Amino acid sequence: MRTTSNPAFRSLPVGGGGYAGFDSAPGRFRGADPGYGGSLPATGRPMTVDDVVTKTGITLAVLIATGVATYLSGLWALALPAALIGFVLAMVVIFKKLVSPPLILAYAAVEGVFLGGISGVIGRAVELRSPGGGSIVLEAITGTVLVFAGMLVVYKTGAVRVTPRFTKWMTGALIGAVGLMIVNLIANFFIPGGLGLRSGGPLAIVFSLVVIGIAAFSLLLDFDAADQAIRAGAPEKTAWYIAFGLTVTLVWLYLEILRLLSYFRE
């Protein structure tokens, strides 16, 4: 069975039972899956795709609500502390392997504050440089929704198969991209603009496009991980963990699209 590059999905618990997943193909898996952190006894009914959709919808609704409130209120200075708090909460959920709805919703709320704040800052900066540029936030939101919908169609139609080899390639690409970001960040302390990966120039545009591609295809791995958990009969509460993982990927995707659009406006 496959694993995923999203660390949030690497420790999904599984139990007995078997429900159809995102591709509507019936089936079940025997035994524990190392990609999901081993077998845990299921409590209550097994998870279904409706649970995933509902919990993901609730999580994203909380994120959107706090994001819109922060953006409209002008409390954009909260972006940095919210980002730090969100990072800590994400690490707790991932490494403590907690399927805690309150903690996951708290993460969504804090990430919404972060996205609302950073969107306000970037939108205002773009507006000052070029009149009418404030629509960049709406464009980034639209782009994120379209990419998500497009990748869901790709997954459901099987246009791109999530195979073990594909997963390995995606994991390697993700590690490579994150590694380059870290190197670029360190280089900024010694060289103006660092390696040029975030400077807004041609190299930055190419790098941003690559990262958006990685984030988009990571959604396929997330869909597949959720599908595998459903087939394996994971407990219903696990849907919150899947919602958390999808939210992490969507936040990353939105930020990269927003960054790319800001480059073109410059």
Protein backbone atom coordinates (compact mmCIF):
# COMPACT_ATOMS: atom_id res chain seq x y z
CA MET A 1 0.00 0.00 0.00
CA ARG A 2 1.18 3.49 -0.79
CA THR A 3 2.24 6.21 1.60
CA THR A 4 1.95 9.96 1.00
CA SER A 5 4.30 12.92 1.00
CA ASN A 6 1.93 14.81 3.33
CA PRO A 7 3.19 14.11 6.88
CA ALA A 8 -0.31 14.65 8.22
CA PHE A 9 -1.44 11.42 6.54
CA ARG A 10 1.48 9.21 7.47
CA SER A 11 0.00 8.14 10.79
CA LEU A 12 -3.65 7.61 9.92
CA PRO A 13 -5.11 4.84 12.06
CA VAL A 14 -6.93 2.00 10.35
CA GLY A 15 -9.32 -0.60 11.55
CA GLY A 16 -11.71 -3.16 10.15
CA GLY A 17 -14.51 -2.75 7.67
CA GLY A 18 -14.46 -1.38 4.17
CA TYR A 19 -16.15 1.52 2.43
CA ALA A 20 -15.87 2.85 -1.07
CA GLY A 21 -13.60 5.84 -1.32
CA PHE A 22 -13.09 8.79 -3.64
CA ASP A 23 -12.90 6.62 -6.75
CA SER A 24 -16.08 4.72 -5.76
CA ALA A 25 -14.33 1.36 -6.10
CA PRO A 26 -15.29 -1.18 -3.42
CA GLY A 27 -12.65 -3.06 -1.51
CA ARG A 28 -10.82 -3.53 1.75
CA PHE A 29 -7.29 -4.19 2.92
CA ARG A 30 -6.11 -6.75 5.42
CA GLY A 31 -3.84 -6.09 8.34
CA ALA A 32 -2.01 -2.96 9.37
CA ASP A 33 -0.68 -0.47 6.87
CA PRO A 34 2.75 0.98 7.78
CA GLY A 35 1.89 4.07 5.79
CA TYR A 36 -0.83 4.86 8.29
CA GLY A 37 1.12 4.08 11.43
CA GLY A 38 -0.19 0.60 12.22
CA SER A 39 -3.52 -0.90 13.16
CA LEU A 40 -5.67 0.63 15.86
CA PRO A 41 -9.00 -0.69 17.05
CA ALA A 42 -11.90 1.07 15.38
CA THR A 43 -14.38 2.84 17.61
CA GLY A 44 -17.87 3.40 16.28
CA ARG A 45 -18.67 3.04 12.61
CA PRO A 46 -16.05 3.12 9.86
CA MET A 47 -15.36 6.37 8.05
CA THR A 48 -17.07 7.14 4.74
CA VAL A 49 -16.37 9.65 2.00
CA ASP A 50 -19.29 11.73 3.32
CA ASP A 51 -17.46 12.07 6.63
CA VAL A 52 -14.37 13.33 4.82
CA VAL A 53 -16.36 15.86 2.80
CA THR A 54 -18.27 17.09 5.85
CA LYS A 55 -15.25 17.43 8.16
CA THR A 56 -13.15 19.06 5.44
CA GLY A 57 -15.98 21.49 4.71
CA ILE A 58 -16.26 22.45 8.38
CA THR A 59 -12.50 22.90 8.71
CA LEU A 60 -12.26 25.07 5.60
CA ALA A 61 -15.33 27.07 6.67
CA VAL A 62 -13.60 27.98 9.94
CA LEU A 63 -10.44 28.94 8.06
CA ILE A 64 -12.36 31.09 5.58
CA ALA A 65 -14.38 32.79 8.32
CA THR A 66 -11.34 33.88 10.33
CA GLY A 67 -9.47 34.75 7.15
CA VAL A 68 -12.20 37.04 5.86
CA ALA A 69 -12.64 38.62 9.31
CA THR A 70 -8.92 39.35 9.59
CA TYR A 71 -8.69 40.68 6.05
CA LEU A 72 -11.67 43.02 6.38
CA SER A 73 -10.78 44.22 9.88
CA GLY A 74 -7.29 45.26 8.82
CA LEU A 75 -5.64 43.32 11.66
CA TRP A 76 -2.92 42.20 9.28
CA ALA A 77 -0.18 42.47 11.90
CA LEU A 78 -1.56 39.26 13.39
CA ALA A 79 -0.23 37.30 10.41
CA LEU A 80 3.21 36.58 11.91
CA PRO A 81 2.10 35.42 15.37
CA ALA A 82 -0.71 33.42 13.76
CA ALA A 83 1.80 31.72 11.46
CA LEU A 84 3.97 30.71 14.42
CA ILE A 85 1.01 29.43 16.44
CA GLY A 86 -0.31 27.55 13.42
CA PHE A 87 3.06 25.89 12.89
CA VAL A 88 3.18 24.74 16.51
CA LEU A 89 -0.38 23.38 16.36
CA ALA A 90 0.38 21.54 13.12
CA MET A 91 3.47 19.92 14.63
CA VAL A 92 1.45 18.82 17.67
CA VAL A 93 -1.24 17.25 15.49
CA ILE A 94 1.29 15.53 13.22
CA PHE A 95 3.86 14.22 15.67
CA LYS A 96 1.52 13.51 18.59
CA LYS A 97 -0.82 11.77 16.13
CA LEU A 98 -3.81 13.45 17.72
CA VAL A 99 -7.18 13.09 16.00
CA SER A 100 -8.58 16.02 17.99
CA PRO A 101 -11.38 18.03 16.34
CA PRO A 102 -10.91 21.06 18.68
CA LEU A 103 -7.17 21.15 17.98
CA ILE A 104 -7.66 20.80 14.24
CA LEU A 105 -10.32 23.51 14.19
CA ALA A 106 -8.03 25.74 16.26
CA TYR A 107 -5.33 25.21 13.63
CA ALA A 108 -7.80 26.15 10.89
CA ALA A 109 -8.85 29.29 12.76
CA VAL A 110 -5.26 30.42 13.31
CA GLU A 111 -4.29 29.67 9.71
CA GLY A 112 -7.25 31.73 8.58
CA VAL A 113 -5.93 34.69 10.57
CA PHE A 114 -2.52 34.17 8.99
CA LEU A 115 -3.88 33.95 5.44
CA GLY A 116 -6.17 36.94 5.97
CA GLY A 117 -3.28 39.02 7.28
CA ILE A 118 -0.72 38.05 4.66
CA SER A 119 -3.31 38.48 1.89
CA GLY A 120 -4.05 41.99 3.14
CA VAL A 121 -0.38 42.94 3.24
CA ILE A 122 0.40 41.59 -0.23
CA GLY A 123 -2.84 42.93 -1.70
CA ARG A 124 -2.16 46.41 -0.35
CA ALA A 125 1.45 46.36 -1.58
CA VAL A 126 0.33 45.35 -5.06
CA GLU A 127 -2.42 47.98 -5.04
CA LEU A 128 0.12 50.71 -4.22
CA ARG A 129 2.39 49.60 -7.06
CA SER A 130 -0.34 49.18 -9.65
CA PRO A 131 -3.92 50.51 -9.30
CA GLY A 132 -6.48 47.74 -9.48
CA GLY A 133 -4.02 45.17 -8.18
CA GLY A 134 -6.06 44.53 -5.06
CA SER A 135 -7.98 41.83 -6.93
CA ILE A 136 -4.90 39.65 -6.59
CA VAL A 137 -6.41 38.03 -3.48
CA LEU A 138 -9.61 37.07 -5.29
CA GLU A 139 -7.54 35.75 -8.18
CA ALA A 140 -5.45 33.62 -5.82
CA ILE A 141 -8.58 32.20 -4.18
CA THR A 142 -10.10 31.43 -7.58
CA GLY A 143 -6.89 29.79 -8.73
CA THR A 144 -6.74 27.61 -5.62
CA VAL A 145 -10.34 26.47 -6.05
CA LEU A 146 -9.81 25.68 -9.73
CA VAL A 147 -6.62 23.72 -9.06
CA PHE A 148 -8.32 21.74 -6.28
CA ALA A 149 -11.33 20.94 -8.48
CA GLY A 150 -9.10 20.08 -11.42
CA MET A 151 -6.92 17.69 -9.42
CA LEU A 152 -10.02 16.03 -7.93
CA VAL A 153 -11.28 15.38 -11.47
CA VAL A 154 -7.85 14.07 -12.47
CA TYR A 155 -7.89 11.68 -9.52
CA LYS A 156 -11.46 10.46 -10.02
CA THR A 157 -10.97 9.87 -13.75
CA GLY A 158 -7.63 8.13 -13.24
CA ALA A 159 -5.90 10.47 -15.70
CA VAL A 160 -2.88 10.31 -13.39
CA ARG A 161 -2.44 7.14 -11.38
CA VAL A 162 -1.06 7.36 -7.87
CA THR A 163 1.47 4.54 -7.92
CA PRO A 164 4.33 3.80 -5.50
CA ARG A 165 6.77 5.20 -8.06
CA PHE A 166 4.71 8.38 -8.46
CA THR A 167 4.62 8.77 -4.69
CA LYS A 168 8.40 8.42 -4.46
CA TRP A 169 8.92 11.02 -7.16
CA MET A 170 6.55 13.44 -5.44
CA THR A 171 8.18 12.90 -2.06
CA GLY A 172 11.59 13.58 -3.59
CA ALA A 173 10.32 16.71 -5.34
CA LEU A 174 8.78 17.99 -2.11
CA ILE A 175 11.97 17.42 -0.14
CA GLY A 176 14.01 19.08 -2.88
CA ALA A 177 11.74 22.14 -3.03
CA VAL A 178 11.74 22.59 0.74
CA GLY A 179 15.51 22.14 0.79
CA LEU A 180 15.98 24.87 -1.83
CA MET A 181 13.70 27.20 0.13
CA ILE A 182 15.80 26.69 3.26
CA VAL A 183 19.06 27.23 1.37
CA ASN A 184 17.62 30.37 -0.24
CA LEU A 185 16.53 31.66 3.17
CA ILE A 186 20.01 31.12 4.62
CA ALA A 187 21.64 32.69 1.55
CA ASN A 188 19.56 35.83 2.11
CA PHE A 189 21.70 36.59 5.17
CA PHE A 190 24.84 36.72 3.02
CA ILE A 191 23.67 37.61 -0.50
CA PRO A 192 20.97 40.18 -1.37
CA GLY A 193 18.05 38.21 -2.76
CA GLY A 194 19.63 34.90 -1.83
CA LEU A 195 19.60 32.45 -4.72
CA GLY A 196 16.93 34.51 -6.46
CA LEU A 197 14.20 31.94 -5.81
CA ARG A 198 11.93 34.51 -4.15
CA SER A 199 13.19 37.75 -5.68
CA GLY A 200 10.39 38.16 -8.22
CA GLY A 201 12.65 37.66 -11.24
CA PRO A 202 12.42 35.01 -13.99
CA LEU A 203 14.05 32.34 -11.81
CA ALA A 204 11.60 33.10 -9.00
CA ILE A 205 8.65 32.76 -11.40
CA VAL A 206 9.89 29.40 -12.68
CA PHE A 207 10.53 28.14 -9.15
CA SER A 208 7.09 29.29 -8.00
CA LEU A 209 5.45 27.48 -10.93
CA VAL A 210 7.32 24.31 -10.03
CA VAL A 211 6.26 24.57 -6.38
CA ILE A 212 2.63 25.15 -7.40
CA GLY A 213 2.87 22.02 -9.53
CA ILE A 214 4.23 20.03 -6.60
CA ALA A 215 1.48 21.32 -4.32
CA ALA A 216 -1.18 20.52 -6.92
CA PHE A 217 0.01 16.96 -7.45
CA SER A 218 0.33 16.56 -3.69
CA LEU A 219 -3.46 16.83 -3.65
CA LEU A 220 -3.55 13.57 -5.63
CA LEU A 221 -1.54 11.90 -2.89
CA ASP A 222 -3.88 13.37 -0.27
CA PHE A 223 -6.95 12.09 -2.11
CA ASP A 224 -5.36 8.67 -2.43
CA ALA A 225 -4.37 8.56 1.25
CA ALA A 226 -7.93 9.42 2.23
CA ASP A 227 -9.26 6.79 -0.17
CA GLN A 228 -6.95 4.14 1.26
CA ALA A 229 -8.02 4.99 4.81
CA ILE A 230 -11.69 4.71 3.87
CA ARG A 231 -11.15 1.37 2.18
CA ALA A 232 -9.22 0.10 5.18
CA GLY A 233 -12.13 0.91 7.47
CA ALA A 234 -10.53 3.68 9.49
CA PRO A 235 -12.67 5.01 12.38
CA GLU A 236 -15.12 7.77 11.55
CA LYS A 237 -13.19 10.28 13.68
CA THR A 238 -10.20 9.90 11.33
CA ALA A 239 -12.03 12.14 8.85
CA TRP A 240 -10.89 15.10 10.98
CA TYR A 241 -7.27 14.09 10.43
CA ILE A 242 -7.82 13.85 6.69
CA ALA A 243 -9.48 17.28 6.74
CA PHE A 244 -6.39 18.62 8.51
CA GLY A 245 -4.04 17.17 5.89
CA LEU A 246 -6.03 18.58 2.99
CA THR A 247 -6.15 21.99 4.69
CA VAL A 248 -2.37 22.02 5.07
CA THR A 249 -1.92 21.35 1.34
CA LEU A 250 -4.52 23.95 0.32
CA VAL A 251 -2.93 26.63 2.51
CA TRP A 252 0.42 25.93 0.86
CA LEU A 253 -1.13 26.00 -2.62
CA TYR A 254 -2.92 29.31 -1.99
CA LEU A 255 0.23 30.99 -0.67
CA GLU A 256 2.26 29.91 -3.70
CA ILE A 257 -0.39 31.10 -6.15
CA LEU A 258 -0.63 34.43 -4.31
CA ARG A 259 3.15 34.77 -4.44
CA LEU A 260 3.26 34.00 -8.17
CA LEU A 261 0.55 36.54 -8.96
CA SER A 262 2.44 39.18 -6.99
CA TYR A 263 5.50 38.53 -9.18
CA PHE A 264 3.54 39.22 -12.35
CA ARG A 265 2.07 42.40 -10.87
CA GLU A 266 5.61 43.65 -10.22
